[in-house]
Amino acid sequence: WNANPAPDGSGDQVYEGLYDAMKTVRDRTTQFGPYDGILGFSQGGCLAELMCRSAWAADGSCAFRFAVIMCSFACRDASFKSIYPEATFDANEVQNSDVPLSVNHTPTLLLAGGRDRGVPPELTGRLAKALQNSTMITIPENNHAVPRLRTEQQKESVRKFFEDRLSEKSAST
């Protein structure tokens, strides 16, 4: 999908093909899944976060139990403005979508590079604030690349995130 300036000159963006991308992820996950989690980097992180808002599992909830989003940002499409940073969302506000969206309660680990010029950590931080259940780690030495965990504290934070997911899975089975 492509991000383009909104035609009204507002400075907003319009994402062409976003709903098709969401449907493709939904269809492939349904066909080949289930998967415990979803991983997204940069623009793919934006898509991963929106997929966690998508109520398309059999019980009407998110199909993923966790998300890992790296060097990413909140969706900047003008039609999604109402969900950031608000905690609620009216699916009727989105035009041309059959993908119902809701509040994102999916446990989400966000990793940001302190030297990222493409997606500064402040943008990832805004996304973290819009989520109900997130952990954000900024790695000062990293730029816009898959983060390399450097300190024991960073490694321990990631380890704890996944240990918590395993504990949740064990408790539910």
N, C-alpha and C. Protein backbone atom coordinates (compact mmCIF):
# COMPACT_ATOMS: atom_id res chain seq x y z
N TRP A 1 0.83 -1.17 0.00
CA TRP A 1 0.00 0.00 0.00
C TRP A 1 0.87 1.23 0.00
N ASN A 2 0.32 2.31 -0.50
CA ASN A 2 1.08 3.54 -0.67
C ASN A 2 0.45 4.68 0.11
N ALA A 3 1.30 5.51 0.68
CA ALA A 3 0.84 6.71 1.37
C ALA A 3 0.98 7.89 0.42
N ASN A 4 -0.10 8.63 0.24
CA ASN A 4 -0.10 9.80 -0.62
C ASN A 4 -0.72 10.98 0.12
N PRO A 5 -0.34 12.20 -0.26
CA PRO A 5 -0.96 13.37 0.38
C PRO A 5 -2.47 13.39 0.10
N ALA A 6 -3.23 13.80 1.12
CA ALA A 6 -4.68 13.92 0.94
C ALA A 6 -4.96 15.00 -0.10
N PRO A 7 -5.93 14.78 -0.97
CA PRO A 7 -6.21 15.75 -2.04
C PRO A 7 -6.72 17.10 -1.54
N ASP A 8 -7.17 17.17 -0.28
CA ASP A 8 -7.72 18.43 0.22
C ASP A 8 -6.64 19.41 0.70
N GLY A 9 -5.36 19.01 0.62
CA GLY A 9 -4.27 19.89 1.02
C GLY A 9 -4.14 20.06 2.53
N SER A 10 -4.79 19.21 3.30
CA SER A 10 -4.79 19.32 4.76
C SER A 10 -3.48 18.89 5.40
N GLY A 11 -2.62 18.24 4.65
CA GLY A 11 -1.40 17.69 5.23
C GLY A 11 -1.58 16.26 5.69
N ASP A 12 -2.83 15.77 5.67
CA ASP A 12 -3.10 14.38 6.02
C ASP A 12 -2.61 13.48 4.89
N GLN A 13 -2.68 12.19 5.13
CA GLN A 13 -2.31 11.23 4.11
C GLN A 13 -3.50 10.34 3.79
N VAL A 14 -3.46 9.76 2.61
CA VAL A 14 -4.44 8.77 2.19
C VAL A 14 -3.65 7.53 1.81
N TYR A 15 -4.02 6.40 2.40
CA TYR A 15 -3.32 5.15 2.12
C TYR A 15 -4.08 4.39 1.04
N GLU A 16 -3.49 4.28 -0.12
CA GLU A 16 -4.11 3.52 -1.21
C GLU A 16 -3.70 2.06 -1.07
N GLY A 17 -4.69 1.18 -1.03
CA GLY A 17 -4.43 -0.25 -0.95
C GLY A 17 -4.33 -0.79 0.47
N LEU A 18 -4.56 0.05 1.47
CA LEU A 18 -4.44 -0.41 2.86
C LEU A 18 -5.45 -1.51 3.17
N TYR A 19 -6.70 -1.31 2.78
CA TYR A 19 -7.72 -2.32 3.09
C TYR A 19 -7.43 -3.62 2.37
N ASP A 20 -6.91 -3.53 1.16
CA ASP A 20 -6.53 -4.75 0.44
C ASP A 20 -5.41 -5.48 1.19
N ALA A 21 -4.44 -4.72 1.71
CA ALA A 21 -3.35 -5.33 2.48
C ALA A 21 -3.89 -5.99 3.75
N MET A 22 -4.82 -5.31 4.43
CA MET A 22 -5.40 -5.88 5.65
C MET A 22 -6.17 -7.16 5.33
N LYS A 23 -6.92 -7.15 4.24
CA LYS A 23 -7.67 -8.34 3.85
C LYS A 23 -6.73 -9.48 3.50
N THR A 24 -5.61 -9.17 2.84
CA THR A 24 -4.64 -10.21 2.49
C THR A 24 -4.06 -10.84 3.75
N VAL A 25 -3.67 -10.02 4.73
CA VAL A 25 -3.14 -10.57 5.98
C VAL A 25 -4.21 -11.42 6.67
N ARG A 26 -5.42 -10.90 6.72
CA ARG A 26 -6.52 -11.65 7.35
C ARG A 26 -6.74 -12.98 6.65
N ASP A 27 -6.80 -12.96 5.32
CA ASP A 27 -7.06 -14.18 4.56
C ASP A 27 -5.93 -15.20 4.73
N ARG A 28 -4.69 -14.74 4.66
CA ARG A 28 -3.55 -15.66 4.80
C ARG A 28 -3.47 -16.23 6.21
N THR A 29 -3.75 -15.40 7.20
CA THR A 29 -3.73 -15.88 8.58
C THR A 29 -4.82 -16.90 8.80
N THR A 30 -5.98 -16.66 8.24
CA THR A 30 -7.09 -17.61 8.35
C THR A 30 -6.74 -18.91 7.63
N GLN A 31 -6.14 -18.79 6.46
CA GLN A 31 -5.82 -19.97 5.65
C GLN A 31 -4.66 -20.78 6.25
N PHE A 32 -3.60 -20.12 6.69
CA PHE A 32 -2.40 -20.82 7.11
C PHE A 32 -2.16 -20.82 8.62
N GLY A 33 -2.92 -20.05 9.36
CA GLY A 33 -2.72 -19.92 10.81
C GLY A 33 -3.34 -21.07 11.56
N PRO A 34 -3.51 -20.95 12.83
CA PRO A 34 -3.38 -19.69 13.58
C PRO A 34 -1.93 -19.38 13.93
N TYR A 35 -1.69 -18.11 14.15
CA TYR A 35 -0.39 -17.61 14.59
C TYR A 35 -0.59 -16.92 15.93
N ASP A 36 0.38 -17.07 16.81
CA ASP A 36 0.27 -16.42 18.12
C ASP A 36 0.43 -14.91 18.00
N GLY A 37 1.35 -14.47 17.13
CA GLY A 37 1.64 -13.04 17.08
C GLY A 37 1.88 -12.53 15.68
N ILE A 38 2.04 -11.23 15.61
CA ILE A 38 2.31 -10.55 14.35
C ILE A 38 3.50 -9.63 14.57
N LEU A 39 4.35 -9.53 13.56
CA LEU A 39 5.56 -8.72 13.61
C LEU A 39 5.47 -7.69 12.49
N GLY A 40 5.82 -6.45 12.80
CA GLY A 40 5.81 -5.42 11.77
C GLY A 40 6.95 -4.45 11.95
N PHE A 41 7.55 -4.05 10.83
CA PHE A 41 8.64 -3.07 10.84
C PHE A 41 8.22 -1.87 10.02
N SER A 42 8.39 -0.67 10.56
CA SER A 42 8.12 0.59 9.89
C SER A 42 6.67 0.63 9.39
N GLN A 43 6.46 0.76 8.09
CA GLN A 43 5.09 0.80 7.57
C GLN A 43 4.36 -0.51 7.87
N GLY A 44 5.09 -1.62 7.88
CA GLY A 44 4.49 -2.90 8.24
C GLY A 44 4.05 -2.94 9.70
N GLY A 45 4.71 -2.15 10.55
CA GLY A 45 4.29 -2.04 11.94
C GLY A 45 2.96 -1.34 12.06
N CYS A 46 2.76 -0.34 11.22
CA CYS A 46 1.47 0.35 11.17
C CYS A 46 0.38 -0.65 10.78
N LEU A 47 0.65 -1.46 9.78
CA LEU A 47 -0.30 -2.49 9.35
C LEU A 47 -0.54 -3.51 10.46
N ALA A 48 0.52 -3.94 11.13
CA ALA A 48 0.38 -4.92 12.22
C ALA A 48 -0.51 -4.37 13.32
N GLU A 49 -0.32 -3.11 13.67
CA GLU A 49 -1.14 -2.50 14.72
C GLU A 49 -2.60 -2.45 14.30
N LEU A 50 -2.86 -2.08 13.07
CA LEU A 50 -4.24 -2.06 12.59
C LEU A 50 -4.84 -3.47 12.57
N MET A 51 -4.03 -4.47 12.25
CA MET A 51 -4.53 -5.84 12.27
C MET A 51 -4.94 -6.25 13.68
N CYS A 52 -4.23 -5.74 14.68
CA CYS A 52 -4.60 -6.05 16.07
C CYS A 52 -5.91 -5.37 16.45
N ARG A 53 -6.26 -4.30 15.77
CA ARG A 53 -7.56 -3.65 16.00
C ARG A 53 -8.68 -4.34 15.23
N SER A 54 -8.31 -5.18 14.29
CA SER A 54 -9.31 -5.83 13.45
C SER A 54 -9.99 -6.96 14.20
N ALA A 55 -11.28 -6.89 14.27
CA ALA A 55 -12.06 -7.91 14.98
C ALA A 55 -12.50 -8.97 13.98
N TRP A 56 -11.59 -9.87 13.64
CA TRP A 56 -11.93 -10.86 12.62
C TRP A 56 -11.68 -12.29 13.05
N ALA A 57 -11.31 -12.51 14.30
CA ALA A 57 -11.20 -13.88 14.80
C ALA A 57 -12.61 -14.45 14.94
N ALA A 58 -12.71 -15.74 15.10
CA ALA A 58 -14.01 -16.40 15.17
C ALA A 58 -14.90 -15.81 16.27
N ASP A 59 -14.30 -15.40 17.37
CA ASP A 59 -15.09 -14.83 18.47
C ASP A 59 -15.24 -13.31 18.38
N GLY A 60 -14.80 -12.73 17.26
CA GLY A 60 -14.93 -11.29 17.07
C GLY A 60 -13.80 -10.48 17.67
N SER A 61 -12.76 -11.15 18.14
CA SER A 61 -11.62 -10.44 18.73
C SER A 61 -10.44 -10.44 17.75
N CYS A 62 -9.35 -9.90 18.20
CA CYS A 62 -8.12 -9.93 17.41
C CYS A 62 -7.63 -11.38 17.33
N ALA A 63 -7.14 -11.77 16.19
CA ALA A 63 -6.66 -13.15 16.01
C ALA A 63 -5.25 -13.35 16.57
N PHE A 64 -4.56 -12.27 16.92
CA PHE A 64 -3.19 -12.38 17.42
C PHE A 64 -3.16 -12.16 18.92
N ARG A 65 -2.34 -12.94 19.60
CA ARG A 65 -2.22 -12.81 21.05
C ARG A 65 -1.17 -11.77 21.45
N PHE A 66 -0.30 -11.39 20.51
CA PHE A 66 0.68 -10.34 20.79
C PHE A 66 1.16 -9.75 19.48
N ALA A 67 1.81 -8.59 19.60
CA ALA A 67 2.41 -7.94 18.43
C ALA A 67 3.79 -7.42 18.83
N VAL A 68 4.71 -7.46 17.87
CA VAL A 68 6.01 -6.82 18.02
C VAL A 68 6.11 -5.83 16.87
N ILE A 69 6.27 -4.58 17.22
CA ILE A 69 6.29 -3.51 16.22
C ILE A 69 7.59 -2.73 16.39
N MET A 70 8.32 -2.61 15.28
CA MET A 70 9.63 -1.97 15.33
C MET A 70 9.66 -0.72 14.45
N CYS A 71 10.23 0.35 15.00
CA CYS A 71 10.47 1.59 14.25
C CYS A 71 9.23 1.98 13.46
N SER A 72 8.11 2.12 14.15
CA SER A 72 6.85 2.33 13.46
C SER A 72 6.11 3.54 14.02
N PHE A 73 4.88 3.70 13.56
CA PHE A 73 4.10 4.89 13.83
C PHE A 73 2.62 4.55 13.76
N ALA A 74 1.80 5.45 14.30
CA ALA A 74 0.36 5.30 14.20
C ALA A 74 -0.07 5.58 12.76
N CYS A 75 -1.11 4.92 12.35
CA CYS A 75 -1.65 5.11 11.01
C CYS A 75 -1.93 6.59 10.77
N ARG A 76 -1.44 7.11 9.64
CA ARG A 76 -1.61 8.53 9.34
C ARG A 76 -2.67 8.80 8.28
N ASP A 77 -3.40 7.76 7.91
CA ASP A 77 -4.48 7.96 6.94
C ASP A 77 -5.57 8.81 7.59
N ALA A 78 -6.05 9.78 6.86
CA ALA A 78 -7.04 10.72 7.40
C ALA A 78 -8.29 10.02 7.93
N SER A 79 -8.68 8.91 7.32
CA SER A 79 -9.91 8.24 7.76
C SER A 79 -9.73 7.52 9.09
N PHE A 80 -8.50 7.40 9.57
CA PHE A 80 -8.26 6.74 10.86
C PHE A 80 -7.96 7.73 11.98
N LYS A 81 -8.05 9.02 11.70
CA LYS A 81 -7.69 10.03 12.71
C LYS A 81 -8.41 9.81 14.04
N SER A 82 -9.63 9.35 13.97
CA SER A 82 -10.43 9.23 15.19
C SER A 82 -9.91 8.18 16.17
N ILE A 83 -9.06 7.26 15.73
CA ILE A 83 -8.60 6.23 16.66
C ILE A 83 -7.27 6.57 17.32
N TYR A 84 -6.63 7.64 16.91
CA TYR A 84 -5.37 8.04 17.52
C TYR A 84 -5.49 9.47 18.01
N PRO A 85 -5.22 9.80 19.24
CA PRO A 85 -4.86 8.89 20.32
C PRO A 85 -6.05 8.42 21.14
N GLU A 86 -7.25 8.59 20.63
CA GLU A 86 -8.44 8.20 21.39
C GLU A 86 -8.44 6.70 21.68
N ALA A 87 -9.08 6.33 22.76
CA ALA A 87 -9.13 4.92 23.16
C ALA A 87 -10.33 4.19 22.57
N THR A 88 -11.24 4.92 21.95
CA THR A 88 -12.40 4.26 21.36
C THR A 88 -12.47 4.59 19.88
N PHE A 89 -13.22 3.81 19.15
CA PHE A 89 -13.29 3.99 17.71
C PHE A 89 -14.66 3.58 17.21
N ASP A 90 -15.24 4.40 16.40
CA ASP A 90 -16.52 4.09 15.77
C ASP A 90 -16.23 3.60 14.35
N ALA A 91 -16.40 2.32 14.11
CA ALA A 91 -16.06 1.75 12.81
C ALA A 91 -16.84 2.40 11.67
N ASN A 92 -17.97 3.02 11.96
CA ASN A 92 -18.75 3.67 10.90
C ASN A 92 -18.05 4.91 10.35
N GLU A 93 -17.04 5.42 11.06
CA GLU A 93 -16.34 6.61 10.58
C GLU A 93 -15.39 6.31 9.44
N VAL A 94 -15.01 5.06 9.27
CA VAL A 94 -14.07 4.70 8.21
C VAL A 94 -14.84 4.39 6.94
N GLN A 95 -14.48 5.06 5.88
CA GLN A 95 -15.16 4.86 4.60
C GLN A 95 -14.57 3.65 3.87
N ASN A 96 -15.38 2.99 3.08
CA ASN A 96 -14.93 1.93 2.18
C ASN A 96 -14.24 0.78 2.90
N SER A 97 -14.67 0.44 4.09
CA SER A 97 -14.02 -0.64 4.82
C SER A 97 -15.03 -1.66 5.29
N ASP A 98 -14.70 -2.93 5.09
CA ASP A 98 -15.50 -3.97 5.72
C ASP A 98 -14.68 -4.64 6.82
N VAL A 99 -13.61 -3.96 7.24
CA VAL A 99 -12.75 -4.46 8.31
C VAL A 99 -13.14 -3.73 9.59
N PRO A 100 -13.88 -4.39 10.50
CA PRO A 100 -14.26 -3.70 11.73
C PRO A 100 -13.04 -3.49 12.62
N LEU A 101 -12.94 -2.30 13.19
CA LEU A 101 -11.82 -1.97 14.05
C LEU A 101 -12.31 -1.68 15.46
N SER A 102 -11.46 -1.94 16.43
CA SER A 102 -11.82 -1.71 17.82
C SER A 102 -10.59 -1.20 18.56
N VAL A 103 -10.73 -1.04 19.85
CA VAL A 103 -9.60 -0.65 20.69
C VAL A 103 -8.57 -1.78 20.65
N ASN A 104 -7.31 -1.42 20.59
CA ASN A 104 -6.25 -2.43 20.55
C ASN A 104 -5.83 -2.79 21.97
N HIS A 105 -6.27 -3.96 22.44
CA HIS A 105 -5.87 -4.47 23.75
C HIS A 105 -4.75 -5.51 23.62
N THR A 106 -4.32 -5.78 22.41
CA THR A 106 -3.31 -6.81 22.18
C THR A 106 -1.99 -6.40 22.84
N PRO A 107 -1.40 -7.27 23.67
CA PRO A 107 -0.09 -6.94 24.24
C PRO A 107 0.89 -6.66 23.10
N THR A 108 1.51 -5.49 23.16
CA THR A 108 2.36 -5.05 22.06
C THR A 108 3.71 -4.58 22.58
N LEU A 109 4.76 -5.11 21.98
CA LEU A 109 6.12 -4.68 22.27
C LEU A 109 6.55 -3.76 21.14
N LEU A 110 6.91 -2.53 21.49
CA LEU A 110 7.37 -1.56 20.50
C LEU A 110 8.86 -1.31 20.71
N LEU A 111 9.62 -1.41 19.63
CA LEU A 111 11.06 -1.16 19.67
C LEU A 111 11.35 0.03 18.78
N ALA A 112 12.10 1.00 19.30
CA ALA A 112 12.42 2.20 18.54
C ALA A 112 13.92 2.45 18.59
N GLY A 113 14.43 3.01 17.51
CA GLY A 113 15.84 3.39 17.46
C GLY A 113 15.99 4.85 17.85
N GLY A 114 16.86 5.13 18.78
CA GLY A 114 17.07 6.50 19.24
C GLY A 114 17.62 7.42 18.17
N ARG A 115 18.28 6.86 17.17
CA ARG A 115 18.85 7.66 16.08
C ARG A 115 18.06 7.51 14.78
N ASP A 116 16.86 7.02 14.88
CA ASP A 116 16.03 6.79 13.69
C ASP A 116 15.53 8.12 13.16
N ARG A 117 15.96 8.47 11.96
CA ARG A 117 15.50 9.71 11.33
C ARG A 117 14.26 9.48 10.49
N GLY A 118 14.06 8.25 10.03
CA GLY A 118 12.88 7.94 9.22
C GLY A 118 11.62 7.92 10.06
N VAL A 119 11.70 7.25 11.20
CA VAL A 119 10.59 7.21 12.16
C VAL A 119 11.20 7.50 13.53
N PRO A 120 11.29 8.77 13.89
CA PRO A 120 11.87 9.11 15.19
C PRO A 120 11.13 8.41 16.33
N PRO A 121 11.84 8.12 17.42
CA PRO A 121 11.21 7.40 18.53
C PRO A 121 9.98 8.11 19.09
N GLU A 122 9.88 9.41 18.89
CA GLU A 122 8.69 10.13 19.36
C GLU A 122 7.43 9.64 18.65
N LEU A 123 7.57 9.29 17.37
CA LEU A 123 6.40 8.77 16.63
C LEU A 123 6.00 7.39 17.16
N THR A 124 6.99 6.56 17.44
CA THR A 124 6.69 5.25 18.03
C THR A 124 6.08 5.44 19.41
N GLY A 125 6.56 6.44 20.14
CA GLY A 125 6.01 6.75 21.46
C GLY A 125 4.55 7.17 21.40
N ARG A 126 4.18 7.94 20.37
CA ARG A 126 2.77 8.31 20.21
C ARG A 126 1.91 7.08 19.98
N LEU A 127 2.43 6.16 19.19
CA LEU A 127 1.70 4.91 18.96
C LEU A 127 1.55 4.15 20.27
N ALA A 128 2.61 4.08 21.05
CA ALA A 128 2.55 3.37 22.34
C ALA A 128 1.47 3.97 23.24
N LYS A 129 1.35 5.29 23.25
CA LYS A 129 0.34 5.95 24.08
C LYS A 129 -1.08 5.63 23.62
N ALA A 130 -1.24 5.34 22.34
CA ALA A 130 -2.57 5.04 21.81
C ALA A 130 -3.00 3.60 22.08
N LEU A 131 -2.08 2.78 22.55
CA LEU A 131 -2.38 1.37 22.78
C LEU A 131 -2.73 1.14 24.24
N GLN A 132 -3.56 0.15 24.48
CA GLN A 132 -4.01 -0.15 25.84
C GLN A 132 -3.02 -1.00 26.63
N ASN A 133 -2.15 -1.73 25.95
CA ASN A 133 -1.32 -2.72 26.63
C ASN A 133 0.03 -2.82 25.90
N SER A 134 0.87 -1.80 26.08
CA SER A 134 2.12 -1.79 25.32
C SER A 134 3.33 -1.61 26.23
N THR A 135 4.45 -2.10 25.72
CA THR A 135 5.76 -1.92 26.32
C THR A 135 6.65 -1.33 25.24
N MET A 136 7.29 -0.20 25.52
CA MET A 136 8.16 0.41 24.52
C MET A 136 9.59 0.43 25.03
N ILE A 137 10.50 0.05 24.14
CA ILE A 137 11.93 0.08 24.44
C ILE A 137 12.59 0.94 23.36
N THR A 138 13.28 1.98 23.78
CA THR A 138 14.06 2.79 22.84
C THR A 138 15.52 2.38 22.99
N ILE A 139 16.13 2.07 21.88
CA ILE A 139 17.54 1.66 21.87
C ILE A 139 18.32 2.84 21.30
N PRO A 140 18.99 3.60 22.18
CA PRO A 140 19.60 4.88 21.78
C PRO A 140 20.54 4.79 20.58
N GLU A 141 21.29 3.70 20.45
CA GLU A 141 22.30 3.59 19.41
C GLU A 141 21.73 3.19 18.05
N ASN A 142 20.50 2.73 18.01
CA ASN A 142 19.95 2.19 16.76
C ASN A 142 19.33 3.28 15.89
N ASN A 143 19.36 3.01 14.58
CA ASN A 143 18.70 3.89 13.62
C ASN A 143 17.47 3.17 13.06
N HIS A 144 17.10 3.45 11.83
CA HIS A 144 15.91 2.84 11.23
C HIS A 144 16.29 1.47 10.65
N ALA A 145 16.41 0.52 11.55
CA ALA A 145 16.77 -0.84 11.19
C ALA A 145 16.18 -1.76 12.24
N VAL A 146 16.15 -3.05 11.93
CA VAL A 146 15.67 -3.99 12.94
C VAL A 146 16.57 -3.82 14.16
N PRO A 147 15.97 -3.49 15.30
CA PRO A 147 16.78 -3.16 16.48
C PRO A 147 17.67 -4.30 16.94
N ARG A 148 18.86 -3.91 17.33
CA ARG A 148 19.81 -4.84 17.92
C ARG A 148 19.86 -4.54 19.41
N LEU A 149 19.45 -5.52 20.19
CA LEU A 149 19.43 -5.33 21.64
C LEU A 149 20.86 -5.33 22.15
N ARG A 150 21.22 -4.28 22.88
CA ARG A 150 22.61 -4.11 23.27
C ARG A 150 22.84 -4.28 24.77
N THR A 151 21.90 -3.87 25.57
CA THR A 151 22.14 -3.93 27.02
C THR A 151 21.35 -5.09 27.63
N GLU A 152 21.77 -5.50 28.79
CA GLU A 152 21.04 -6.56 29.50
C GLU A 152 19.63 -6.11 29.85
N GLN A 153 19.47 -4.83 30.16
CA GLN A 153 18.14 -4.31 30.48
C GLN A 153 17.21 -4.44 29.27
N GLN A 154 17.70 -4.10 28.08
CA GLN A 154 16.89 -4.23 26.86
C GLN A 154 16.53 -5.69 26.62
N LYS A 155 17.51 -6.56 26.74
CA LYS A 155 17.27 -7.99 26.53
C LYS A 155 16.28 -8.53 27.55
N GLU A 156 16.42 -8.11 28.79
CA GLU A 156 15.52 -8.57 29.84
C GLU A 156 14.10 -8.09 29.60
N SER A 157 13.93 -6.87 29.12
CA SER A 157 12.59 -6.35 28.82
C SER A 157 11.90 -7.17 27.73
N VAL A 158 12.65 -7.52 26.70
CA VAL A 158 12.09 -8.33 25.62
C VAL A 158 11.79 -9.74 26.13
N ARG A 159 12.72 -10.30 26.88
CA ARG A 159 12.52 -11.64 27.44
C ARG A 159 11.26 -11.68 28.32
N LYS A 160 11.10 -10.66 29.17
CA LYS A 160 9.93 -10.60 30.05
C LYS A 160 8.64 -10.51 29.24
N PHE A 161 8.64 -9.72 28.18
CA PHE A 161 7.45 -9.60 27.34
C PHE A 161 7.03 -10.98 26.83
N PHE A 162 7.98 -11.75 26.32
CA PHE A 162 7.64 -13.07 25.77
C PHE A 162 7.34 -14.09 26.87
N GLU A 163 8.00 -14.00 28.00
CA GLU A 163 7.68 -14.90 29.11
C GLU A 163 6.25 -14.65 29.59
N ASP A 164 5.84 -13.39 29.63
CA ASP A 164 4.46 -13.07 30.01
C ASP A 164 3.47 -13.66 29.01
N ARG A 165 3.79 -13.62 27.73
CA ARG A 165 2.90 -14.20 26.71
C ARG A 165 2.81 -15.71 26.90
N LEU A 166 3.95 -16.35 27.20
CA LEU A 166 3.93 -17.81 27.43
C LEU A 166 3.11 -18.15 28.67
N SER A 167 3.24 -17.34 29.71
CA SER A 167 2.45 -17.57 30.93
C SER A 167 0.96 -17.45 30.64
N GLU A 168 0.59 -16.44 29.85
CA GLU A 168 -0.82 -16.25 29.49
C GLU A 168 -1.33 -17.44 28.69
N LYS A 169 -0.50 -17.93 27.77
CA LYS A 169 -0.91 -19.06 26.94
C LYS A 169 -1.07 -20.31 27.80
N SER A 170 -0.15 -20.54 28.73
CA SER A 170 -0.24 -21.71 29.60
C SER A 170 -1.47 -21.64 30.49
N ALA A 171 -1.79 -20.44 30.97
CA ALA A 171 -2.95 -20.27 31.84
C ALA A 171 -4.26 -20.50 31.10
N SER A 172 -4.26 -20.23 29.79
CA SER A 172 -5.51 -20.36 29.03
C SER A 172 -5.72 -21.77 28.49
N THR A 173 -4.72 -22.64 28.61
CA THR A 173 -4.90 -24.01 28.09
C THR A 173 -5.12 -25.01 29.19
